[in-house]
Amino acid sequence: MNKESKINIGDTGNQHEDGNQPMGTPYEKDVVAWAEEQAALLRAGKLASIDIEHIAEEIEDVGKSEQREFASRMAVLLAHLLKWQLQPERRTNSWTNTVLTQRAAIERRLRKTPSLKPMLSDEDWIADMWGDARELAANETRIGFADFPESCPWPMSSVLEEGFLPE
């Protein structure tokens, strides 16, 4: 799409009595087309024509997506630390590489999105993420879910510390 056609999206010339332009593609019909139209309206300064409610929802979803990715990486890291601790005879370079990769990705995420850092001290969030880690570890080992510790035995600072591997 060229820049000029984006600017004209949603400008049908058929203004409502309140001065607002009717929307183009409905959010529910085609979210991709809707998003392109909304971005063009915002860039063109046509604020009266934007779909405020859905834009607000999408912005919130961006934050939730970042939180989900962060929690997923933490769960994978913790699952591998559990496996490392509870199955020393099965330790491999692959496990070490996964730990290093997840730590590096988590560090980058925290650097780019520092508002995620408080999650590392949120007991409810840690409990949920720990449950995910236990489930991952149970699925990847022959150890039952109930045989893993009910709560994370390590402080988050240790979990994220370079070189930390539980014995």
N, C-alpha and C. Protein backbone atom coordinates (compact mmCIF):
# COMPACT_ATOMS: atom_id res chain seq x y z
N MET A 1 0.83 -1.18 0.00
CA MET A 1 0.00 0.00 0.00
C MET A 1 0.88 1.24 0.00
N ASN A 2 0.55 2.22 -0.83
CA ASN A 2 1.37 3.42 -0.79
C ASN A 2 0.86 4.36 0.28
N LYS A 3 1.70 5.33 0.61
CA LYS A 3 1.42 6.24 1.71
C LYS A 3 0.14 7.03 1.49
N GLU A 4 -0.09 7.47 0.24
CA GLU A 4 -1.26 8.28 -0.05
C GLU A 4 -2.54 7.51 0.16
N SER A 5 -2.58 6.23 -0.27
CA SER A 5 -3.81 5.46 -0.10
C SER A 5 -4.07 5.18 1.38
N LYS A 6 -3.02 5.06 2.17
CA LYS A 6 -3.21 4.85 3.60
C LYS A 6 -3.87 6.06 4.24
N ILE A 7 -3.45 7.24 3.83
CA ILE A 7 -3.99 8.45 4.43
C ILE A 7 -5.48 8.57 4.15
N ASN A 8 -5.93 8.10 2.99
CA ASN A 8 -7.33 8.24 2.62
C ASN A 8 -8.23 7.14 3.16
N ILE A 9 -7.65 6.09 3.74
CA ILE A 9 -8.46 5.00 4.27
C ILE A 9 -9.39 5.54 5.34
N GLY A 10 -10.64 5.15 5.25
CA GLY A 10 -11.62 5.55 6.25
C GLY A 10 -12.22 6.92 5.98
N ASP A 11 -11.67 7.69 5.03
CA ASP A 11 -12.20 9.01 4.72
C ASP A 11 -13.14 8.86 3.54
N THR A 12 -14.36 8.51 3.83
CA THR A 12 -15.34 8.28 2.78
C THR A 12 -16.05 9.55 2.38
N GLY A 13 -15.82 10.60 3.14
CA GLY A 13 -16.53 11.83 2.88
C GLY A 13 -17.94 11.82 3.45
N ASN A 14 -18.34 10.73 4.01
CA ASN A 14 -19.68 10.59 4.58
C ASN A 14 -19.58 10.73 6.09
N GLN A 15 -19.46 11.94 6.56
CA GLN A 15 -19.33 12.15 7.99
C GLN A 15 -20.66 11.95 8.69
N HIS A 16 -20.57 11.41 9.91
CA HIS A 16 -21.75 11.31 10.77
C HIS A 16 -22.08 12.70 11.28
N GLU A 17 -23.26 12.84 11.88
CA GLU A 17 -23.67 14.14 12.42
C GLU A 17 -22.67 14.67 13.43
N ASP A 18 -22.00 13.77 14.17
CA ASP A 18 -21.04 14.21 15.18
C ASP A 18 -19.68 14.56 14.57
N GLY A 19 -19.54 14.45 13.25
CA GLY A 19 -18.30 14.80 12.58
C GLY A 19 -17.35 13.63 12.40
N ASN A 20 -17.70 12.47 12.97
CA ASN A 20 -16.83 11.30 12.85
C ASN A 20 -17.00 10.64 11.50
N GLN A 21 -15.91 10.08 10.99
CA GLN A 21 -15.96 9.31 9.76
C GLN A 21 -16.45 7.91 10.08
N PRO A 22 -17.21 7.29 9.21
CA PRO A 22 -17.55 5.88 9.42
C PRO A 22 -16.29 5.04 9.27
N MET A 23 -16.22 3.96 10.01
CA MET A 23 -15.04 3.10 9.95
C MET A 23 -15.04 2.31 8.65
N GLY A 24 -13.83 1.88 8.24
CA GLY A 24 -13.68 1.03 7.07
C GLY A 24 -13.98 -0.40 7.45
N THR A 25 -12.95 -1.24 7.44
CA THR A 25 -13.11 -2.66 7.74
C THR A 25 -13.38 -2.87 9.23
N PRO A 26 -14.44 -3.59 9.58
CA PRO A 26 -14.70 -3.87 11.00
C PRO A 26 -13.61 -4.78 11.59
N TYR A 27 -13.28 -4.52 12.82
CA TYR A 27 -12.27 -5.28 13.56
C TYR A 27 -12.58 -6.78 13.50
N GLU A 28 -13.84 -7.13 13.71
CA GLU A 28 -14.25 -8.53 13.77
C GLU A 28 -14.17 -9.23 12.41
N LYS A 29 -14.18 -8.45 11.32
CA LYS A 29 -14.19 -9.05 9.98
C LYS A 29 -12.79 -9.39 9.49
N ASP A 30 -11.83 -8.45 9.69
CA ASP A 30 -10.46 -8.66 9.20
C ASP A 30 -9.51 -7.80 10.02
N VAL A 31 -8.95 -8.38 11.06
CA VAL A 31 -8.13 -7.61 12.00
C VAL A 31 -6.88 -7.02 11.35
N VAL A 32 -6.33 -7.69 10.33
CA VAL A 32 -5.14 -7.17 9.67
C VAL A 32 -5.49 -5.91 8.87
N ALA A 33 -6.53 -5.98 8.06
CA ALA A 33 -6.96 -4.80 7.30
C ALA A 33 -7.37 -3.68 8.26
N TRP A 34 -8.08 -4.05 9.31
CA TRP A 34 -8.50 -3.07 10.32
C TRP A 34 -7.27 -2.37 10.91
N ALA A 35 -6.23 -3.14 11.27
CA ALA A 35 -5.03 -2.57 11.89
C ALA A 35 -4.34 -1.60 10.94
N GLU A 36 -4.23 -1.97 9.66
CA GLU A 36 -3.60 -1.07 8.69
C GLU A 36 -4.40 0.23 8.56
N GLU A 37 -5.71 0.11 8.52
CA GLU A 37 -6.56 1.29 8.41
C GLU A 37 -6.43 2.18 9.65
N GLN A 38 -6.42 1.57 10.82
CA GLN A 38 -6.31 2.35 12.06
C GLN A 38 -4.97 3.06 12.14
N ALA A 39 -3.91 2.39 11.74
CA ALA A 39 -2.58 3.01 11.75
C ALA A 39 -2.56 4.20 10.79
N ALA A 40 -3.16 4.04 9.62
CA ALA A 40 -3.20 5.13 8.65
C ALA A 40 -4.01 6.31 9.20
N LEU A 41 -5.13 6.03 9.85
CA LEU A 41 -5.95 7.09 10.44
C LEU A 41 -5.17 7.84 11.52
N LEU A 42 -4.46 7.09 12.36
CA LEU A 42 -3.65 7.73 13.41
C LEU A 42 -2.56 8.61 12.80
N ARG A 43 -1.86 8.07 11.81
CA ARG A 43 -0.78 8.84 11.18
C ARG A 43 -1.31 10.09 10.49
N ALA A 44 -2.52 9.99 9.96
CA ALA A 44 -3.12 11.14 9.27
C ALA A 44 -3.75 12.12 10.25
N GLY A 45 -3.75 11.78 11.53
CA GLY A 45 -4.32 12.68 12.53
C GLY A 45 -5.83 12.67 12.57
N LYS A 46 -6.44 11.66 11.98
CA LYS A 46 -7.91 11.56 11.94
C LYS A 46 -8.40 10.81 13.18
N LEU A 47 -8.16 11.40 14.33
CA LEU A 47 -8.44 10.75 15.61
C LEU A 47 -9.92 10.51 15.83
N ALA A 48 -10.77 11.32 15.27
CA ALA A 48 -12.21 11.14 15.45
C ALA A 48 -12.70 9.88 14.74
N SER A 49 -11.92 9.35 13.82
CA SER A 49 -12.34 8.20 13.04
C SER A 49 -11.79 6.87 13.55
N ILE A 50 -10.94 6.91 14.55
CA ILE A 50 -10.31 5.66 14.99
C ILE A 50 -11.24 4.84 15.89
N ASP A 51 -10.97 3.57 15.94
CA ASP A 51 -11.73 2.60 16.74
C ASP A 51 -11.04 2.50 18.10
N ILE A 52 -11.33 3.44 18.97
CA ILE A 52 -10.61 3.58 20.24
C ILE A 52 -10.66 2.31 21.09
N GLU A 53 -11.82 1.71 21.23
CA GLU A 53 -11.95 0.55 22.12
C GLU A 53 -11.07 -0.62 21.66
N HIS A 54 -11.12 -0.93 20.37
CA HIS A 54 -10.31 -2.05 19.88
C HIS A 54 -8.82 -1.71 19.87
N ILE A 55 -8.48 -0.46 19.60
CA ILE A 55 -7.07 -0.06 19.65
C ILE A 55 -6.54 -0.24 21.07
N ALA A 56 -7.33 0.18 22.06
CA ALA A 56 -6.92 0.02 23.46
C ALA A 56 -6.72 -1.46 23.79
N GLU A 57 -7.63 -2.32 23.33
CA GLU A 57 -7.50 -3.76 23.57
C GLU A 57 -6.23 -4.31 22.93
N GLU A 58 -5.94 -3.89 21.71
CA GLU A 58 -4.75 -4.36 21.02
C GLU A 58 -3.47 -3.92 21.73
N ILE A 59 -3.47 -2.69 22.22
CA ILE A 59 -2.29 -2.20 22.95
C ILE A 59 -2.09 -3.02 24.22
N GLU A 60 -3.18 -3.30 24.93
CA GLU A 60 -3.07 -4.15 26.13
C GLU A 60 -2.56 -5.54 25.78
N ASP A 61 -3.02 -6.06 24.63
CA ASP A 61 -2.58 -7.39 24.20
C ASP A 61 -1.08 -7.44 23.91
N VAL A 62 -0.52 -6.33 23.44
CA VAL A 62 0.94 -6.28 23.21
C VAL A 62 1.66 -6.52 24.53
N GLY A 63 1.21 -5.84 25.58
CA GLY A 63 1.82 -6.02 26.90
C GLY A 63 1.66 -7.44 27.41
N LYS A 64 0.47 -8.00 27.22
CA LYS A 64 0.22 -9.37 27.66
C LYS A 64 1.08 -10.36 26.90
N SER A 65 1.29 -10.11 25.63
CA SER A 65 2.14 -10.98 24.81
C SER A 65 3.58 -10.97 25.33
N GLU A 66 4.08 -9.80 25.67
CA GLU A 66 5.43 -9.69 26.23
C GLU A 66 5.52 -10.48 27.54
N GLN A 67 4.48 -10.36 28.37
CA GLN A 67 4.47 -11.07 29.65
C GLN A 67 4.43 -12.58 29.43
N ARG A 68 3.64 -13.03 28.45
CA ARG A 68 3.56 -14.47 28.16
C ARG A 68 4.90 -15.01 27.69
N GLU A 69 5.56 -14.26 26.80
CA GLU A 69 6.87 -14.71 26.32
C GLU A 69 7.87 -14.80 27.46
N PHE A 70 7.86 -13.79 28.32
CA PHE A 70 8.76 -13.77 29.47
C PHE A 70 8.50 -14.98 30.37
N ALA A 71 7.24 -15.23 30.69
CA ALA A 71 6.87 -16.36 31.55
C ALA A 71 7.26 -17.69 30.90
N SER A 72 7.06 -17.79 29.60
CA SER A 72 7.41 -19.03 28.90
C SER A 72 8.91 -19.29 28.95
N ARG A 73 9.70 -18.26 28.72
CA ARG A 73 11.16 -18.44 28.78
C ARG A 73 11.61 -18.80 30.19
N MET A 74 11.00 -18.16 31.19
CA MET A 74 11.35 -18.49 32.58
C MET A 74 10.97 -19.94 32.90
N ALA A 75 9.81 -20.38 32.44
CA ALA A 75 9.37 -21.76 32.70
C ALA A 75 10.33 -22.77 32.06
N VAL A 76 10.76 -22.50 30.85
CA VAL A 76 11.71 -23.40 30.17
C VAL A 76 13.03 -23.42 30.94
N LEU A 77 13.51 -22.26 31.34
CA LEU A 77 14.75 -22.19 32.12
C LEU A 77 14.61 -23.00 33.41
N LEU A 78 13.55 -22.77 34.14
CA LEU A 78 13.35 -23.47 35.42
C LEU A 78 13.18 -24.97 35.22
N ALA A 79 12.49 -25.37 34.17
CA ALA A 79 12.32 -26.81 33.89
C ALA A 79 13.67 -27.46 33.66
N HIS A 80 14.56 -26.78 32.94
CA HIS A 80 15.88 -27.35 32.70
C HIS A 80 16.74 -27.36 33.95
N LEU A 81 16.58 -26.36 34.80
CA LEU A 81 17.30 -26.38 36.08
C LEU A 81 16.79 -27.53 36.96
N LEU A 82 15.48 -27.78 36.93
CA LEU A 82 14.93 -28.92 37.67
C LEU A 82 15.51 -30.24 37.15
N LYS A 83 15.49 -30.39 35.84
CA LYS A 83 16.04 -31.61 35.24
C LYS A 83 17.51 -31.76 35.60
N TRP A 84 18.24 -30.66 35.56
CA TRP A 84 19.67 -30.68 35.89
C TRP A 84 19.88 -31.18 37.31
N GLN A 85 19.06 -30.68 38.23
CA GLN A 85 19.20 -31.03 39.64
C GLN A 85 18.77 -32.48 39.91
N LEU A 86 17.66 -32.87 39.32
CA LEU A 86 17.07 -34.16 39.68
C LEU A 86 17.51 -35.33 38.81
N GLN A 87 18.16 -35.06 37.71
CA GLN A 87 18.64 -36.14 36.85
C GLN A 87 20.10 -35.90 36.44
N PRO A 88 21.00 -35.88 37.43
CA PRO A 88 22.41 -35.59 37.11
C PRO A 88 23.03 -36.58 36.12
N GLU A 89 22.54 -37.80 36.11
CA GLU A 89 23.09 -38.81 35.21
C GLU A 89 22.70 -38.56 33.74
N ARG A 90 21.72 -37.70 33.50
CA ARG A 90 21.24 -37.44 32.14
C ARG A 90 21.66 -36.06 31.62
N ARG A 91 22.49 -35.36 32.35
CA ARG A 91 22.93 -34.02 31.95
C ARG A 91 23.63 -34.08 30.59
N THR A 92 23.26 -33.12 29.75
CA THR A 92 23.85 -33.07 28.42
C THR A 92 24.22 -31.62 28.09
N ASN A 93 25.01 -31.48 27.03
CA ASN A 93 25.33 -30.14 26.53
C ASN A 93 24.07 -29.43 26.07
N SER A 94 23.12 -30.19 25.59
CA SER A 94 21.86 -29.60 25.13
C SER A 94 21.15 -28.88 26.28
N TRP A 95 21.13 -29.50 27.45
CA TRP A 95 20.50 -28.86 28.61
C TRP A 95 21.25 -27.58 28.97
N THR A 96 22.57 -27.66 28.97
CA THR A 96 23.39 -26.48 29.28
C THR A 96 23.11 -25.37 28.27
N ASN A 97 23.05 -25.74 26.99
CA ASN A 97 22.78 -24.74 25.95
C ASN A 97 21.40 -24.11 26.12
N THR A 98 20.42 -24.91 26.49
CA THR A 98 19.08 -24.36 26.71
C THR A 98 19.08 -23.37 27.86
N VAL A 99 19.77 -23.71 28.94
CA VAL A 99 19.87 -22.79 30.08
C VAL A 99 20.53 -21.48 29.65
N LEU A 100 21.64 -21.58 28.93
CA LEU A 100 22.35 -20.38 28.48
C LEU A 100 21.50 -19.54 27.52
N THR A 101 20.83 -20.22 26.60
CA THR A 101 19.99 -19.52 25.62
C THR A 101 18.83 -18.80 26.29
N GLN A 102 18.16 -19.48 27.23
CA GLN A 102 17.02 -18.86 27.91
C GLN A 102 17.47 -17.69 28.78
N ARG A 103 18.56 -17.85 29.47
CA ARG A 103 19.07 -16.74 30.30
C ARG A 103 19.40 -15.52 29.44
N ALA A 104 20.04 -15.75 28.31
CA ALA A 104 20.40 -14.64 27.42
C ALA A 104 19.13 -13.97 26.88
N ALA A 105 18.14 -14.75 26.49
CA ALA A 105 16.90 -14.19 25.97
C ALA A 105 16.14 -13.42 27.05
N ILE A 106 16.13 -13.95 28.26
CA ILE A 106 15.47 -13.28 29.39
C ILE A 106 16.18 -11.97 29.70
N GLU A 107 17.50 -12.00 29.70
CA GLU A 107 18.28 -10.78 29.97
C GLU A 107 17.96 -9.70 28.93
N ARG A 108 17.91 -10.11 27.64
CA ARG A 108 17.57 -9.16 26.57
C ARG A 108 16.16 -8.60 26.77
N ARG A 109 15.22 -9.48 27.12
CA ARG A 109 13.83 -9.07 27.31
C ARG A 109 13.75 -8.06 28.46
N LEU A 110 14.46 -8.32 29.55
CA LEU A 110 14.44 -7.41 30.69
C LEU A 110 15.09 -6.07 30.35
N ARG A 111 16.12 -6.11 29.51
CA ARG A 111 16.78 -4.88 29.10
C ARG A 111 15.86 -4.04 28.20
N LYS A 112 15.14 -4.71 27.30
CA LYS A 112 14.27 -4.01 26.36
C LYS A 112 12.92 -3.64 26.98
N THR A 113 12.50 -4.40 27.98
CA THR A 113 11.21 -4.19 28.62
C THR A 113 11.38 -4.25 30.13
N PRO A 114 11.99 -3.21 30.72
CA PRO A 114 12.29 -3.25 32.16
C PRO A 114 11.05 -3.34 33.04
N SER A 115 9.88 -3.02 32.52
CA SER A 115 8.66 -3.12 33.33
C SER A 115 8.31 -4.57 33.66
N LEU A 116 8.98 -5.54 33.04
CA LEU A 116 8.75 -6.95 33.37
C LEU A 116 9.47 -7.36 34.66
N LYS A 117 10.49 -6.62 35.05
CA LYS A 117 11.33 -7.01 36.19
C LYS A 117 10.54 -7.23 37.49
N PRO A 118 9.55 -6.39 37.80
CA PRO A 118 8.80 -6.64 39.05
C PRO A 118 8.11 -8.01 39.10
N MET A 119 7.88 -8.61 37.95
CA MET A 119 7.27 -9.94 37.94
C MET A 119 8.15 -10.95 38.68
N LEU A 120 9.45 -10.72 38.66
CA LEU A 120 10.38 -11.65 39.29
C LEU A 120 10.27 -11.67 40.81
N SER A 121 9.53 -10.72 41.38
CA SER A 121 9.31 -10.74 42.83
C SER A 121 7.83 -10.86 43.17
N ASP A 122 7.00 -11.11 42.17
CA ASP A 122 5.56 -11.28 42.37
C ASP A 122 5.29 -12.76 42.68
N GLU A 123 4.91 -13.04 43.91
CA GLU A 123 4.75 -14.43 44.36
C GLU A 123 3.71 -15.20 43.56
N ASP A 124 2.60 -14.54 43.20
CA ASP A 124 1.57 -15.22 42.41
C ASP A 124 2.09 -15.58 41.02
N TRP A 125 2.79 -14.62 40.39
CA TRP A 125 3.33 -14.88 39.06
C TRP A 125 4.36 -16.00 39.12
N ILE A 126 5.23 -15.98 40.13
CA ILE A 126 6.24 -17.02 40.27
C ILE A 126 5.58 -18.39 40.47
N ALA A 127 4.52 -18.43 41.28
CA ALA A 127 3.82 -19.70 41.51
C ALA A 127 3.22 -20.23 40.21
N ASP A 128 2.60 -19.37 39.41
CA ASP A 128 2.02 -19.81 38.13
C ASP A 128 3.11 -20.31 37.19
N MET A 129 4.18 -19.54 37.08
CA MET A 129 5.27 -19.90 36.19
C MET A 129 5.96 -21.18 36.67
N TRP A 130 6.07 -21.33 37.98
CA TRP A 130 6.67 -22.54 38.54
C TRP A 130 5.82 -23.77 38.19
N GLY A 131 4.51 -23.61 38.25
CA GLY A 131 3.62 -24.71 37.85
C GLY A 131 3.87 -25.12 36.40
N ASP A 132 4.05 -24.13 35.53
CA ASP A 132 4.37 -24.43 34.13
C ASP A 132 5.71 -25.15 34.01
N ALA A 133 6.69 -24.71 34.79
CA ALA A 133 8.02 -25.33 34.76
C ALA A 133 7.94 -26.79 35.24
N ARG A 134 7.19 -27.03 36.30
CA ARG A 134 7.03 -28.41 36.81
C ARG A 134 6.37 -29.29 35.75
N GLU A 135 5.36 -28.75 35.08
CA GLU A 135 4.66 -29.52 34.05
C GLU A 135 5.60 -29.85 32.88
N LEU A 136 6.37 -28.86 32.46
CA LEU A 136 7.35 -29.11 31.39
C LEU A 136 8.35 -30.18 31.80
N ALA A 137 8.89 -30.03 32.99
CA ALA A 137 9.90 -30.99 33.47
C ALA A 137 9.29 -32.39 33.61
N ALA A 138 8.08 -32.48 34.11
CA ALA A 138 7.42 -33.78 34.25
C ALA A 138 7.19 -34.43 32.89
N ASN A 139 6.81 -33.61 31.90
CA ASN A 139 6.58 -34.15 30.55
C ASN A 139 7.86 -34.61 29.87
N GLU A 140 9.00 -34.04 30.26
CA GLU A 140 10.26 -34.36 29.62
C GLU A 140 11.08 -35.40 30.39
N THR A 141 10.61 -35.79 31.54
CA THR A 141 11.32 -36.78 32.36
C THR A 141 10.36 -37.90 32.73
N ARG A 142 10.86 -38.85 33.46
CA ARG A 142 9.99 -39.92 33.98
C ARG A 142 9.65 -39.65 35.45
N ILE A 143 9.76 -38.39 35.81
CA ILE A 143 9.46 -37.98 37.18
C ILE A 143 8.05 -37.42 37.20
N GLY A 144 7.25 -37.83 38.17
CA GLY A 144 5.87 -37.36 38.26
C GLY A 144 5.80 -35.91 38.72
N PHE A 145 4.77 -35.20 38.26
CA PHE A 145 4.56 -33.80 38.60
C PHE A 145 4.63 -33.58 40.10
N ALA A 146 3.98 -34.44 40.86
CA ALA A 146 3.91 -34.29 42.33
C ALA A 146 5.26 -34.50 43.00
N ASP A 147 6.21 -35.11 42.29
CA ASP A 147 7.53 -35.35 42.87
C ASP A 147 8.46 -34.14 42.78
N PHE A 148 8.04 -33.13 42.06
CA PHE A 148 8.83 -31.89 42.00
C PHE A 148 8.44 -31.00 43.17
N PRO A 149 9.35 -30.16 43.61
CA PRO A 149 9.01 -29.25 44.72
C PRO A 149 7.78 -28.40 44.37
N GLU A 150 6.92 -28.17 45.37
CA GLU A 150 5.70 -27.40 45.14
C GLU A 150 5.97 -25.93 44.84
N SER A 151 7.07 -25.42 45.38
CA SER A 151 7.43 -24.03 45.09
C SER A 151 8.89 -23.98 44.65
N CYS A 152 9.21 -22.94 43.95
CA CYS A 152 10.56 -22.79 43.41
C CYS A 152 11.58 -22.74 44.56
N PRO A 153 12.56 -23.64 44.54
CA PRO A 153 13.53 -23.69 45.65
C PRO A 153 14.66 -22.66 45.53
N TRP A 154 14.69 -21.90 44.44
CA TRP A 154 15.79 -20.98 44.22
C TRP A 154 15.27 -19.55 44.10
N PRO A 155 16.02 -18.61 44.62
CA PRO A 155 15.62 -17.21 44.39
C PRO A 155 15.80 -16.86 42.91
N MET A 156 14.96 -15.98 42.42
CA MET A 156 15.04 -15.60 41.00
C MET A 156 16.40 -15.01 40.65
N SER A 157 17.03 -14.34 41.59
CA SER A 157 18.36 -13.78 41.32
C SER A 157 19.35 -14.90 41.01
N SER A 158 19.24 -16.03 41.70
CA SER A 158 20.13 -17.17 41.42
C SER A 158 19.78 -17.81 40.08
N VAL A 159 18.50 -17.97 39.82
CA VAL A 159 18.04 -18.59 38.58
C VAL A 159 18.61 -17.85 37.37
N LEU A 160 18.68 -16.53 37.46
CA LEU A 160 19.14 -15.72 36.34
C LEU A 160 20.65 -15.48 36.35
N GLU A 161 21.31 -15.91 37.41
CA GLU A 161 22.75 -15.68 37.56
C GLU A 161 23.54 -16.56 36.59
N GLU A 162 24.44 -15.93 35.87
CA GLU A 162 25.30 -16.67 34.95
C GLU A 162 26.08 -17.73 35.72
N GLY A 163 26.06 -18.93 35.22
CA GLY A 163 26.82 -20.02 35.84
C GLY A 163 26.05 -20.81 36.90
N PHE A 164 24.88 -20.32 37.33
CA PHE A 164 24.12 -21.04 38.36
C PHE A 164 23.53 -22.32 37.77
N LEU A 165 23.90 -23.44 38.37
CA LEU A 165 23.31 -24.75 38.07
C LEU A 165 23.14 -25.47 39.39
N PRO A 166 21.92 -25.81 39.77
CA PRO A 166 21.70 -26.44 41.07
C PRO A 166 22.27 -27.85 41.13
N GLU A 167 22.81 -28.17 42.26
CA GLU A 167 23.36 -29.53 42.47
C GLU A 167 22.49 -30.30 43.41
